[in-house]
Amino acid sequence: MKKENTVKVKTVGEGEKFERIRRITGYLVGTVDRFNNAKQSEENDRVKHS
């Protein structure tokens, strides 16, 4: 019987909680809750990269 070597690979950052920070009109923000409709629309219209 052949014994297989198995390696468990862990993704970098796996299990770590993080918060997205965005730069909108010169401000670094986590959420856009406090921005007015125009700034929220600006963020919504931006191209999303994956």
N, C-alpha and C. Protein backbone atom coordinates (compact mmCIF):
# COMPACT_ATOMS: atom_id res chain seq x y z
N MET A 1 0.85 -1.18 0.00
CA MET A 1 0.00 0.00 0.00
C MET A 1 0.90 1.24 0.00
N LYS A 2 0.61 2.17 -0.90
CA LYS A 2 1.41 3.40 -1.03
C LYS A 2 0.89 4.45 -0.06
N LYS A 3 1.78 5.04 0.70
CA LYS A 3 1.41 6.10 1.64
C LYS A 3 1.54 7.45 0.93
N GLU A 4 0.46 8.21 0.90
CA GLU A 4 0.48 9.52 0.24
C GLU A 4 0.82 10.62 1.23
N ASN A 5 1.63 11.54 0.77
CA ASN A 5 1.95 12.72 1.58
C ASN A 5 0.89 13.77 1.29
N THR A 6 0.23 14.22 2.31
CA THR A 6 -0.76 15.28 2.13
C THR A 6 -0.30 16.52 2.88
N VAL A 7 -0.42 17.63 2.21
CA VAL A 7 -0.02 18.90 2.79
C VAL A 7 -1.25 19.78 2.85
N LYS A 8 -1.55 20.27 4.02
CA LYS A 8 -2.68 21.19 4.17
C LYS A 8 -2.19 22.60 3.91
N VAL A 9 -2.77 23.23 2.90
CA VAL A 9 -2.36 24.58 2.51
C VAL A 9 -3.31 25.57 3.15
N LYS A 10 -2.76 26.56 3.82
CA LYS A 10 -3.57 27.61 4.44
C LYS A 10 -3.42 28.88 3.62
N THR A 11 -4.54 29.46 3.26
CA THR A 11 -4.53 30.71 2.51
C THR A 11 -4.07 31.84 3.41
N VAL A 12 -3.26 32.73 2.87
CA VAL A 12 -2.77 33.87 3.64
C VAL A 12 -3.97 34.68 4.12
N GLY A 13 -4.02 34.97 5.39
CA GLY A 13 -5.10 35.76 5.97
C GLY A 13 -6.33 34.94 6.34
N GLU A 14 -6.31 33.66 6.07
CA GLU A 14 -7.47 32.81 6.37
C GLU A 14 -7.78 32.85 7.86
N GLY A 15 -9.03 33.08 8.18
CA GLY A 15 -9.44 33.13 9.57
C GLY A 15 -9.25 34.48 10.23
N GLU A 16 -8.70 35.43 9.50
CA GLU A 16 -8.48 36.77 10.05
C GLU A 16 -9.60 37.69 9.61
N LYS A 17 -10.14 38.44 10.55
CA LYS A 17 -11.20 39.38 10.23
C LYS A 17 -10.55 40.68 9.73
N PHE A 18 -11.13 41.25 8.67
CA PHE A 18 -10.60 42.50 8.16
C PHE A 18 -11.74 43.41 7.73
N GLU A 19 -11.45 44.67 7.67
CA GLU A 19 -12.44 45.66 7.26
C GLU A 19 -11.91 46.37 6.03
N ARG A 20 -12.77 46.53 5.03
CA ARG A 20 -12.37 47.22 3.81
C ARG A 20 -12.34 48.71 4.05
N ILE A 21 -11.27 49.33 3.63
CA ILE A 21 -11.14 50.78 3.71
C ILE A 21 -11.16 51.32 2.29
N ARG A 22 -12.00 52.32 2.04
CA ARG A 22 -12.11 52.92 0.72
C ARG A 22 -11.71 54.38 0.78
N ARG A 23 -11.19 54.87 -0.33
CA ARG A 23 -10.84 56.28 -0.43
C ARG A 23 -11.88 56.93 -1.33
N ILE A 24 -12.68 57.80 -0.76
CA ILE A 24 -13.72 58.50 -1.50
C ILE A 24 -13.52 59.99 -1.31
N THR A 25 -13.29 60.67 -2.39
CA THR A 25 -13.06 62.12 -2.41
C THR A 25 -12.08 62.57 -1.32
N GLY A 26 -11.00 61.81 -1.17
CA GLY A 26 -9.95 62.21 -0.24
C GLY A 26 -10.13 61.71 1.18
N TYR A 27 -11.23 61.02 1.48
CA TYR A 27 -11.46 60.52 2.84
C TYR A 27 -11.31 59.01 2.86
N LEU A 28 -10.67 58.47 3.89
CA LEU A 28 -10.59 57.04 4.07
C LEU A 28 -11.74 56.62 4.97
N VAL A 29 -12.59 55.73 4.46
CA VAL A 29 -13.78 55.33 5.20
C VAL A 29 -13.96 53.83 5.16
N GLY A 30 -14.60 53.28 6.18
CA GLY A 30 -14.95 51.87 6.20
C GLY A 30 -16.32 51.65 5.59
N THR A 31 -17.26 52.55 5.89
CA THR A 31 -18.60 52.46 5.33
C THR A 31 -19.00 53.84 4.81
N VAL A 32 -20.00 53.86 3.95
CA VAL A 32 -20.44 55.13 3.36
C VAL A 32 -21.74 55.62 4.00
N ASP A 33 -22.06 55.09 5.15
CA ASP A 33 -23.32 55.44 5.83
C ASP A 33 -23.47 56.94 6.06
N ARG A 34 -22.39 57.60 6.37
CA ARG A 34 -22.46 59.01 6.75
C ARG A 34 -22.32 59.97 5.58
N PHE A 35 -22.09 59.44 4.37
CA PHE A 35 -21.97 60.29 3.19
C PHE A 35 -23.34 60.66 2.63
N ASN A 36 -23.40 61.82 1.99
CA ASN A 36 -24.66 62.23 1.37
C ASN A 36 -24.92 61.40 0.11
N ASN A 37 -26.10 61.60 -0.51
CA ASN A 37 -26.51 60.79 -1.66
C ASN A 37 -25.52 60.89 -2.82
N ALA A 38 -24.96 62.07 -3.05
CA ALA A 38 -24.04 62.25 -4.18
C ALA A 38 -22.78 61.41 -3.99
N LYS A 39 -22.21 61.42 -2.80
CA LYS A 39 -21.00 60.64 -2.55
C LYS A 39 -21.30 59.15 -2.54
N GLN A 40 -22.46 58.76 -2.02
CA GLN A 40 -22.85 57.35 -2.05
C GLN A 40 -23.03 56.89 -3.49
N SER A 41 -23.61 57.74 -4.34
CA SER A 41 -23.79 57.42 -5.75
C SER A 41 -22.44 57.29 -6.45
N GLU A 42 -21.51 58.18 -6.11
CA GLU A 42 -20.16 58.11 -6.69
C GLU A 42 -19.51 56.77 -6.40
N GLU A 43 -19.62 56.32 -5.17
CA GLU A 43 -19.03 55.04 -4.77
C GLU A 43 -19.73 53.89 -5.50
N ASN A 44 -21.03 53.99 -5.63
CA ASN A 44 -21.82 52.93 -6.27
C ASN A 44 -21.51 52.82 -7.76
N ASP A 45 -21.16 53.93 -8.42
CA ASP A 45 -20.89 53.96 -9.86
C ASP A 45 -19.48 53.50 -10.21
N ARG A 46 -18.62 53.34 -9.23
CA ARG A 46 -17.24 52.97 -9.51
C ARG A 46 -17.15 51.53 -10.02
N VAL A 47 -16.12 51.27 -10.82
CA VAL A 47 -15.89 49.92 -11.34
C VAL A 47 -15.36 49.05 -10.21
N LYS A 48 -15.96 47.88 -10.06
CA LYS A 48 -15.55 46.95 -9.01
C LYS A 48 -14.59 45.93 -9.62
N HIS A 49 -13.40 45.78 -9.04
CA HIS A 49 -12.41 44.81 -9.50
C HIS A 49 -12.41 43.62 -8.55
N SER A 50 -12.30 42.44 -9.11
CA SER A 50 -12.27 41.26 -8.24
C SER A 50 -10.93 40.57 -8.28
